[in-house]
C-alpha cells in the first residue's frame, strides 16, 4: 500500500486524515486537533479540506455557530445568544 502524505511537517497520510474523519473530525481544525496536520506551515490545509469534502457531518452544526476553520479565520468559542 502506497502512503500518500498530506502533511509533510508531521508525516500525516491521507489514510490517517480519512480515519480521523471517520471518527468524527469534520473540519480541518478538528483534523488539526486530532493529529496536528495543518498546524505548522499550513500548506496542507486545502488538501485536507478536499479530502473531507462537503458531505454531511453530525458535528458540522458546531461550525455553523461561529467556529470557523478555513486558513486561520476568526474563531469564537463563546456560545451564541
PDB file of N, CA and C in Angstrom:
ATOM      1  N   UNK A   1       0.843  -1.178   0.000  1.00  0.00           N
ATOM      2  CA  UNK A   1       0.000   0.000   0.000  1.00  0.00           C
ATOM      3  C   UNK A   1       0.891   1.244   0.000  1.00  0.00           C
ATOM      4  N   UNK A   2       0.634   2.149  -0.920  1.00  0.00           N
ATOM      5  CA  UNK A   2       1.407   3.372  -1.031  1.00  0.00           C
ATOM      6  C   UNK A   2       0.890   4.413  -0.049  1.00  0.00           C
ATOM      7  N   UNK A   3       1.804   5.017   0.664  1.00  0.00           N
ATOM      8  CA  UNK A   3       1.430   6.099   1.586  1.00  0.00           C
ATOM      9  C   UNK A   3       1.512   7.426   0.854  1.00  0.00           C
ATOM     10  N   UNK A   4       0.416   8.152   0.860  1.00  0.00           N
ATOM     11  CA  UNK A   4       0.388   9.477   0.265  1.00  0.00           C
ATOM     12  C   UNK A   4       0.313  10.471   1.420  1.00  0.00           C
ATOM     13  N   UNK A   5       1.377  11.240   1.554  1.00  0.00           N
ATOM     14  CA  UNK A   5       1.442  12.191   2.662  1.00  0.00           C
ATOM     15  C   UNK A   5       0.684  13.466   2.327  1.00  0.00           C
ATOM     16  N   UNK A   6      -0.130  13.900   3.286  1.00  0.00           N
ATOM     17  CA  UNK A   6      -0.865  15.150   3.180  1.00  0.00           C
ATOM     18  C   UNK A   6      -0.065  16.240   3.885  1.00  0.00           C
ATOM     19  N   UNK A   7       0.393  15.940   5.062  1.00  0.00           N
ATOM     20  CA  UNK A   7       1.138  16.896   5.890  1.00  0.00           C
ATOM     21  C   UNK A   7       2.561  16.374   6.068  1.00  0.00           C
ATOM     22  N   UNK A   8       3.491  16.984   5.354  1.00  0.00           N
ATOM     23  CA  UNK A   8       4.875  16.534   5.466  1.00  0.00           C
ATOM     24  C   UNK A   8       5.524  17.029   6.765  1.00  0.00           C
ATOM     25  N   UNK A   9       4.997  18.095   7.348  1.00  0.00           N
ATOM     26  CA  UNK A   9       5.547  18.597   8.607  1.00  0.00           C
ATOM     27  C   UNK A   9       5.426  17.567   9.732  1.00  0.00           C
ATOM     28  N   UNK A  10       4.284  16.867   9.768  1.00  0.00           N
ATOM     29  CA  UNK A  10       4.040  15.905  10.838  1.00  0.00           C
ATOM     30  C   UNK A  10       3.900  14.468  10.325  1.00  0.00           C
ATOM     31  N   UNK A  11       4.121  14.244   9.034  1.00  0.00           N
ATOM     32  CA  UNK A  11       4.077  12.893   8.479  1.00  0.00           C
ATOM     33  C   UNK A  11       2.689  12.278   8.500  1.00  0.00           C
ATOM     34  N   UNK A  12       1.659  13.082   8.227  1.00  0.00           N
ATOM     35  CA  UNK A  12       0.278  12.605   8.262  1.00  0.00           C
ATOM     36  C   UNK A  12      -0.148  12.197   6.849  1.00  0.00           C
ATOM     37  N   UNK A  13      -0.691  11.006   6.727  1.00  0.00           N
ATOM     38  CA  UNK A  13      -1.093  10.475   5.424  1.00  0.00           C
ATOM     39  C   UNK A  13      -2.569  10.722   5.142  1.00  0.00           C
ATOM     40  N   UNK A  14      -2.950  10.546   3.870  1.00  0.00           N
ATOM     41  CA  UNK A  14      -4.363  10.642   3.500  1.00  0.00           C
ATOM     42  C   UNK A  14      -5.189   9.652   4.312  1.00  0.00           C
ATOM     43  N   UNK A  15      -4.667   8.447   4.479  1.00  0.00           N
ATOM     44  CA  UNK A  15      -5.388   7.420   5.231  1.00  0.00           C
ATOM     45  C   UNK A  15      -5.648   7.871   6.665  1.00  0.00           C
ATOM     46  N   UNK A  16      -4.680   8.500   7.300  1.00  0.00           N
ATOM     47  CA  UNK A  16      -4.864   8.975   8.669  1.00  0.00           C
ATOM     48  C   UNK A  16      -5.925  10.066   8.727  1.00  0.00           C
ATOM     49  N   UNK A  17      -5.920  10.976   7.750  1.00  0.00           N
ATOM     50  CA  UNK A  17      -6.948  12.025   7.710  1.00  0.00           C
ATOM     51  C   UNK A  17      -8.320  11.381   7.562  1.00  0.00           C
ATOM     52  N   UNK A  18      -8.442  10.403   6.678  1.00  0.00           N
ATOM     53  CA  UNK A  18      -9.727   9.721   6.477  1.00  0.00           C
ATOM     54  C   UNK A  18     -10.176   8.994   7.747  1.00  0.00           C
ATOM     55  N   UNK A  19      -9.232   8.382   8.452  1.00  0.00           N
ATOM     56  CA  UNK A  19      -9.576   7.689   9.703  1.00  0.00           C
ATOM     57  C   UNK A  19     -10.095   8.674  10.741  1.00  0.00           C
ATOM     58  N   UNK A  20      -9.451   9.814  10.864  1.00  0.00           N
ATOM     59  CA  UNK A  20      -9.924  10.835  11.810  1.00  0.00           C
ATOM     60  C   UNK A  20     -11.298  11.345  11.395  1.00  0.00           C
ATOM     61  N   UNK A  21     -11.510  11.508  10.099  1.00  0.00           N
ATOM     62  CA  UNK A  21     -12.818  11.951   9.601  1.00  0.00           C
ATOM     63  C   UNK A  21     -13.886  10.909   9.921  1.00  0.00           C
ATOM     64  N   UNK A  22     -13.549   9.633   9.758  1.00  0.00           N
ATOM     65  CA  UNK A  22     -14.497   8.564  10.091  1.00  0.00           C
ATOM     66  C   UNK A  22     -14.846   8.563  11.577  1.00  0.00           C
ATOM     67  N   UNK A  23     -13.935   9.063  12.403  1.00  0.00           N
ATOM     68  CA  UNK A  23     -14.157   9.128  13.845  1.00  0.00           C
ATOM     69  C   UNK A  23     -14.827  10.433  14.262  1.00  0.00           C
ATOM     70  N   UNK A  24     -15.184  11.289  13.278  1.00  0.00           N
ATOM     71  CA  UNK A  24     -15.958  12.478  13.608  1.00  0.00           C
ATOM     72  C   UNK A  24     -15.302  13.817  13.360  1.00  0.00           C
ATOM     73  N   UNK A  25     -14.039  13.843  12.938  1.00  0.00           N
ATOM     74  CA  UNK A  25     -13.384  15.114  12.638  1.00  0.00           C
ATOM     75  C   UNK A  25     -13.854  15.583  11.265  1.00  0.00           C
ATOM     76  N   UNK A  26     -14.638  16.646  11.232  1.00  0.00           N
ATOM     77  CA  UNK A  26     -15.297  17.087  10.000  1.00  0.00           C
ATOM     78  C   UNK A  26     -14.691  18.337   9.380  1.00  0.00           C
ATOM     79  N   UNK A  27     -13.786  18.972  10.058  1.00  0.00           N
ATOM     80  CA  UNK A  27     -13.199  20.214   9.566  1.00  0.00           C
ATOM     81  C   UNK A  27     -11.676  20.140   9.680  1.00  0.00           C
ATOM     82  N   UNK A  28     -10.963  20.966   8.921  1.00  0.00           N
ATOM     83  CA  UNK A  28      -9.509  20.988   9.079  1.00  0.00           C
ATOM     84  C   UNK A  28      -9.073  21.299  10.514  1.00  0.00           C
ATOM     85  N   UNK A  29      -9.817  22.137  11.223  1.00  0.00           N
ATOM     86  CA  UNK A  29      -9.475  22.440  12.614  1.00  0.00           C
ATOM     87  C   UNK A  29      -9.604  21.182  13.487  1.00  0.00           C
ATOM     88  N   UNK A  30     -10.617  20.392  13.259  1.00  0.00           N
ATOM     89  CA  UNK A  30     -10.805  19.164  14.034  1.00  0.00           C
ATOM     90  C   UNK A  30      -9.747  18.128  13.675  1.00  0.00           C
ATOM     91  N   UNK A  31      -9.353  18.075  12.401  1.00  0.00           N
ATOM     92  CA  UNK A  31      -8.251  17.203  11.996  1.00  0.00           C
ATOM     93  C   UNK A  31      -6.974  17.657  12.699  1.00  0.00           C
ATOM     94  N   UNK A  32      -6.740  18.960  12.746  1.00  0.00           N
ATOM     95  CA  UNK A  32      -5.558  19.502  13.418  1.00  0.00           C
ATOM     96  C   UNK A  32      -5.543  19.121  14.891  1.00  0.00           C
ATOM     97  N   UNK A  33      -6.700  19.167  15.532  1.00  0.00           N
ATOM     98  CA  UNK A  33      -6.777  18.783  16.946  1.00  0.00           C
ATOM     99  C   UNK A  33      -6.466  17.305  17.135  1.00  0.00           C
ATOM    100  N   UNK A  34      -6.841  16.508  16.158  1.00  0.00           N
ATOM    101  CA  UNK A  34      -6.636  15.064  16.268  1.00  0.00           C
ATOM    102  C   UNK A  34      -5.192  14.646  15.993  1.00  0.00           C
ATOM    103  N   UNK A  35      -4.505  15.334  15.053  1.00  0.00           N
ATOM    104  CA  UNK A  35      -3.186  14.840  14.652  1.00  0.00           C
ATOM    105  C   UNK A  35      -2.164  15.927  14.312  1.00  0.00           C
ATOM    106  N   UNK A  36      -2.489  17.190  14.506  1.00  0.00           N
ATOM    107  CA  UNK A  36      -1.617  18.339  14.260  1.00  0.00           C
ATOM    108  C   UNK A  36      -1.453  18.702  12.789  1.00  0.00           C
ATOM    109  N   UNK A  37      -2.019  17.938  11.865  1.00  0.00           N
ATOM    110  CA  UNK A  37      -1.885  18.269  10.446  1.00  0.00           C
ATOM    111  C   UNK A  37      -2.457  19.655  10.197  1.00  0.00           C
ATOM    112  N   UNK A  38      -1.709  20.486   9.494  1.00  0.00           N
ATOM    113  CA  UNK A  38      -2.159  21.828   9.174  1.00  0.00           C
ATOM    114  C   UNK A  38      -1.792  22.885  10.187  1.00  0.00           C
ATOM    115  N   UNK A  39      -1.103  22.513  11.248  1.00  0.00           N
ATOM    116  CA  UNK A  39      -0.802  23.487  12.305  1.00  0.00           C
ATOM    117  C   UNK A  39       0.590  24.097  12.211  1.00  0.00           C
ATOM    118  N   UNK A  40       1.430  23.618  11.300  1.00  0.00           N
ATOM    119  CA  UNK A  40       2.777  24.182  11.190  1.00  0.00           C
ATOM    120  C   UNK A  40       2.831  25.156  10.023  1.00  0.00           C
ATOM    121  N   UNK A  41       3.146  24.716   8.841  1.00  0.00           N
ATOM    122  CA  UNK A  41       3.271  25.653   7.712  1.00  0.00           C
ATOM    123  C   UNK A  41       1.925  25.961   7.055  1.00  0.00           C
ATOM    124  N   UNK A  42       0.935  25.082   7.217  1.00  0.00           N
ATOM    125  CA  UNK A  42      -0.405  25.326   6.684  1.00  0.00           C
ATOM    126  C   UNK A  42      -0.602  24.967   5.226  1.00  0.00           C
ATOM    127  N   UNK A  43       0.434  24.493   4.559  1.00  0.00           N
ATOM    128  CA  UNK A  43       0.296  24.202   3.133  1.00  0.00           C
ATOM    129  C   UNK A  43      -0.628  23.020   2.840  1.00  0.00           C
ATOM    130  N   UNK A  44      -0.944  22.212   3.824  1.00  0.00           N
ATOM    131  CA  UNK A  44      -1.790  21.037   3.602  1.00  0.00           C
ATOM    132  C   UNK A  44      -3.271  21.291   3.885  1.00  0.00           C
ATOM    133  N   UNK A  45      -3.616  22.459   4.370  1.00  0.00           N
ATOM    134  CA  UNK A  45      -4.999  22.718   4.788  1.00  0.00           C
ATOM    135  C   UNK A  45      -5.981  22.544   3.633  1.00  0.00           C
ATOM    136  N   UNK A  46      -5.640  23.050   2.473  1.00  0.00           N
ATOM    137  CA  UNK A  46      -6.550  22.908   1.323  1.00  0.00           C
ATOM    138  C   UNK A  46      -6.705  21.447   0.917  1.00  0.00           C
ATOM    139  N   UNK A  47      -5.632  20.674   0.995  1.00  0.00           N
ATOM    140  CA  UNK A  47      -5.718  19.239   0.676  1.00  0.00           C
ATOM    141  C   UNK A  47      -6.597  18.531   1.699  1.00  0.00           C
ATOM    142  N   UNK A  48      -6.479  18.883   2.950  1.00  0.00           N
ATOM    143  CA  UNK A  48      -7.331  18.303   3.991  1.00  0.00           C
ATOM    144  C   UNK A  48      -8.789  18.651   3.719  1.00  0.00           C
ATOM    145  N   UNK A  49      -9.049  19.908   3.360  1.00  0.00           N
ATOM    146  CA  UNK A  49     -10.416  20.315   3.015  1.00  0.00           C
ATOM    147  C   UNK A  49     -10.945  19.462   1.874  1.00  0.00           C
ATOM    148  N   UNK A  50     -10.117  19.218   0.892  1.00  0.00           N
ATOM    149  CA  UNK A  50     -10.516  18.413  -0.256  1.00  0.00           C
ATOM    150  C   UNK A  50     -10.838  16.980   0.159  1.00  0.00           C
ATOM    151  N   UNK A  51     -10.035  16.418   1.017  1.00  0.00           N
ATOM    152  CA  UNK A  51     -10.282  15.049   1.485  1.00  0.00           C
ATOM    153  C   UNK A  51     -11.570  14.954   2.291  1.00  0.00           C
ATOM    154  N   UNK A  52     -11.858  15.994   3.062  1.00  0.00           N
ATOM    155  CA  UNK A  52     -13.069  15.985   3.882  1.00  0.00           C
ATOM    156  C   UNK A  52     -14.318  16.168   3.035  1.00  0.00           C
ATOM    157  N   UNK A  53     -14.201  16.879   1.934  1.00  0.00           N
ATOM    158  CA  UNK A  53     -15.335  17.083   1.040  1.00  0.00           C
ATOM    159  C   UNK A  53     -16.430  17.915   1.671  1.00  0.00           C
ATOM    160  N   UNK A  54     -17.593  17.801   1.104  1.00  0.00           N
ATOM    161  CA  UNK A  54     -18.739  18.587   1.562  1.00  0.00           C
ATOM    162  C   UNK A  54     -19.869  17.691   2.056  1.00  0.00           C
ATOM    163  N   UNK A  55     -19.542  16.489   2.485  1.00  0.00           N
ATOM    164  CA  UNK A  55     -20.571  15.566   2.959  1.00  0.00           C
ATOM    165  C   UNK A  55     -21.203  16.014   4.255  1.00  0.00           C
ATOM    166  N   UNK A  56     -22.254  15.338   4.633  1.00  0.00           N
ATOM    167  CA  UNK A  56     -22.915  15.658   5.888  1.00  0.00           C
ATOM    168  C   UNK A  56     -22.047  15.206   7.057  1.00  0.00           C
ATOM    169  N   UNK A  57     -22.135  15.945   8.116  1.00  0.00           N
ATOM    170  CA  UNK A  57     -21.325  15.658   9.288  1.00  0.00           C
ATOM    171  C   UNK A  57     -22.141  15.978  10.527  1.00  0.00           C
ATOM    172  N   UNK A  58     -22.234  15.047  11.456  1.00  0.00           N
ATOM    173  CA  UNK A  58     -23.016  15.309  12.663  1.00  0.00           C
ATOM    174  C   UNK A  58     -22.477  16.446  13.507  1.00  0.00           C
ATOM    175  N   UNK A  59     -21.195  16.776  13.368  1.00  0.00           N
ATOM    176  CA  UNK A  59     -20.606  17.853  14.170  1.00  0.00           C
ATOM    177  C   UNK A  59     -20.561  19.170  13.417  1.00  0.00           C
ATOM    178  N   UNK A  60     -21.010  19.211  12.166  1.00  0.00           N
ATOM    179  CA  UNK A  60     -20.911  20.418  11.353  1.00  0.00           C
ATOM    180  C   UNK A  60     -21.697  21.586  11.953  1.00  0.00           C
ATOM    181  N   UNK A  61     -22.778  21.304  12.688  1.00  0.00           N
ATOM    182  CA  UNK A  61     -23.532  22.406  13.284  1.00  0.00           C
ATOM    183  C   UNK A  61     -22.680  23.216  14.251  1.00  0.00           C
ATOM    184  N   UNK A  62     -21.624  22.645  14.803  1.00  0.00           N
ATOM    185  CA  UNK A  62     -20.715  23.405  15.660  1.00  0.00           C
ATOM    186  C   UNK A  62     -20.049  24.529  14.866  1.00  0.00           C
ATOM    187  N   UNK A  63     -19.655  24.246  13.637  1.00  0.00           N
ATOM    188  CA  UNK A  63     -19.007  25.274  12.829  1.00  0.00           C
ATOM    189  C   UNK A  63     -20.010  26.325  12.384  1.00  0.00           C
ATOM    190  N   UNK A  64     -21.265  25.947  12.240  1.00  0.00           N
ATOM    191  CA  UNK A  64     -22.289  26.896  11.822  1.00  0.00           C
ATOM    192  C   UNK A  64     -22.593  27.931  12.907  1.00  0.00           C
ATOM    193  N   UNK A  65     -22.190  27.672  14.164  1.00  0.00           N
ATOM    194  CA  UNK A  65     -22.469  28.596  15.257  1.00  0.00           C
ATOM    195  C   UNK A  65     -21.295  29.504  15.590  1.00  0.00           C
ATOM    196  N   UNK A  66     -20.285  29.553  14.733  1.00  0.00           N
ATOM    197  CA  UNK A  66     -19.220  30.506  15.000  1.00  0.00           C
ATOM    198  C   UNK A  66     -17.817  29.976  14.848  1.00  0.00           C
ATOM    199  N   UNK A  67     -17.578  28.686  15.046  1.00  0.00           N
ATOM    200  CA  UNK A  67     -16.241  28.161  14.884  1.00  0.00           C
ATOM    201  C   UNK A  67     -15.951  28.066  13.392  1.00  0.00           C
ATOM    202  N   UNK A  68     -14.932  28.771  12.944  1.00  0.00           N
ATOM    203  CA  UNK A  68     -14.538  28.706  11.546  1.00  0.00           C
ATOM    204  C   UNK A  68     -13.150  28.117  11.486  1.00  0.00           C
ATOM    205  N   UNK A  69     -12.871  27.380  10.408  1.00  0.00           N
ATOM    206  CA  UNK A  69     -11.620  26.661  10.376  1.00  0.00           C
ATOM    207  C   UNK A  69     -10.813  26.886   9.110  1.00  0.00           C
ATOM    208  N   UNK A  70     -11.192  27.783   8.284  1.00  0.00           N
ATOM    209  CA  UNK A  70     -10.536  27.923   6.996  1.00  0.00           C
ATOM    210  C   UNK A  70      -9.375  28.902   7.087  1.00  0.00           C
ATOM    211  N   UNK A  71      -8.171  28.375   7.025  1.00  0.00           N
ATOM    212  CA  UNK A  71      -6.959  29.174   6.941  1.00  0.00           C
ATOM    213  C   UNK A  71      -6.881  30.317   7.947  1.00  0.00           C
ATOM    214  N   UNK A  72      -7.086  29.991   9.213  1.00  0.00           N
ATOM    215  CA  UNK A  72      -6.895  30.968  10.276  1.00  0.00           C
ATOM    216  C   UNK A  72      -8.012  31.964  10.462  1.00  0.00           C
ATOM    217  N   UNK A  73      -9.191  31.644   9.981  1.00  0.00           N
ATOM    218  CA  UNK A  73     -10.319  32.554  10.172  1.00  0.00           C
ATOM    219  C   UNK A  73     -10.616  32.694  11.660  1.00  0.00           C
ATOM    220  N   UNK A  74     -11.299  33.753  12.011  1.00  0.00           N
ATOM    221  CA  UNK A  74     -11.615  34.032  13.413  1.00  0.00           C
ATOM    222  C   UNK A  74     -12.439  32.904  14.021  1.00  0.00           C
ATOM    223  N   UNK A  75     -12.124  32.577  15.247  1.00  0.00           N
ATOM    224  CA  UNK A  75     -12.848  31.535  15.961  1.00  0.00           C
ATOM    225  C   UNK A  75     -13.465  32.136  17.207  1.00  0.00           C
ATOM    226  N   UNK A  76     -14.744  31.887  17.388  1.00  0.00           N
ATOM    227  CA  UNK A  76     -15.441  32.351  18.575  1.00  0.00           C
ATOM    228  C   UNK A  76     -15.871  31.134  19.375  1.00  0.00           C
ATOM    229  N   UNK A  77     -15.396  31.024  20.594  1.00  0.00           N
ATOM    230  CA  UNK A  77     -15.754  29.895  21.430  1.00  0.00           C
ATOM    231  C   UNK A  77     -16.864  30.245  22.404  1.00  0.00           C
ATOM    232  N   UNK A  78     -17.367  31.459  22.317  1.00  0.00           N
ATOM    233  CA  UNK A  78     -18.461  31.907  23.171  1.00  0.00           C
ATOM    234  C   UNK A  78     -19.774  31.430  22.556  1.00  0.00           C
ATOM    235  N   UNK A  79     -20.632  30.740  23.313  1.00  0.00           N
ATOM    236  CA  UNK A  79     -21.893  30.285  22.758  1.00  0.00           C
ATOM    237  C   UNK A  79     -22.749  31.435  22.237  1.00  0.00           C
ATOM    238  N   UNK A  80     -23.444  31.161  21.131  1.00  0.00           N
ATOM    239  CA  UNK A  80     -24.324  32.172  20.566  1.00  0.00           C
ATOM    240  C   UNK A  80     -25.495  32.422  21.499  1.00  0.00           C
ATOM    241  N   UNK A  81     -25.932  33.657  21.589  1.00  0.00           N
ATOM    242  CA  UNK A  81     -27.038  34.011  22.492  1.00  0.00           C
ATOM    243  C   UNK A  81     -28.359  33.660  21.876  1.00  0.00           C
TER     244      UNK A  81
END
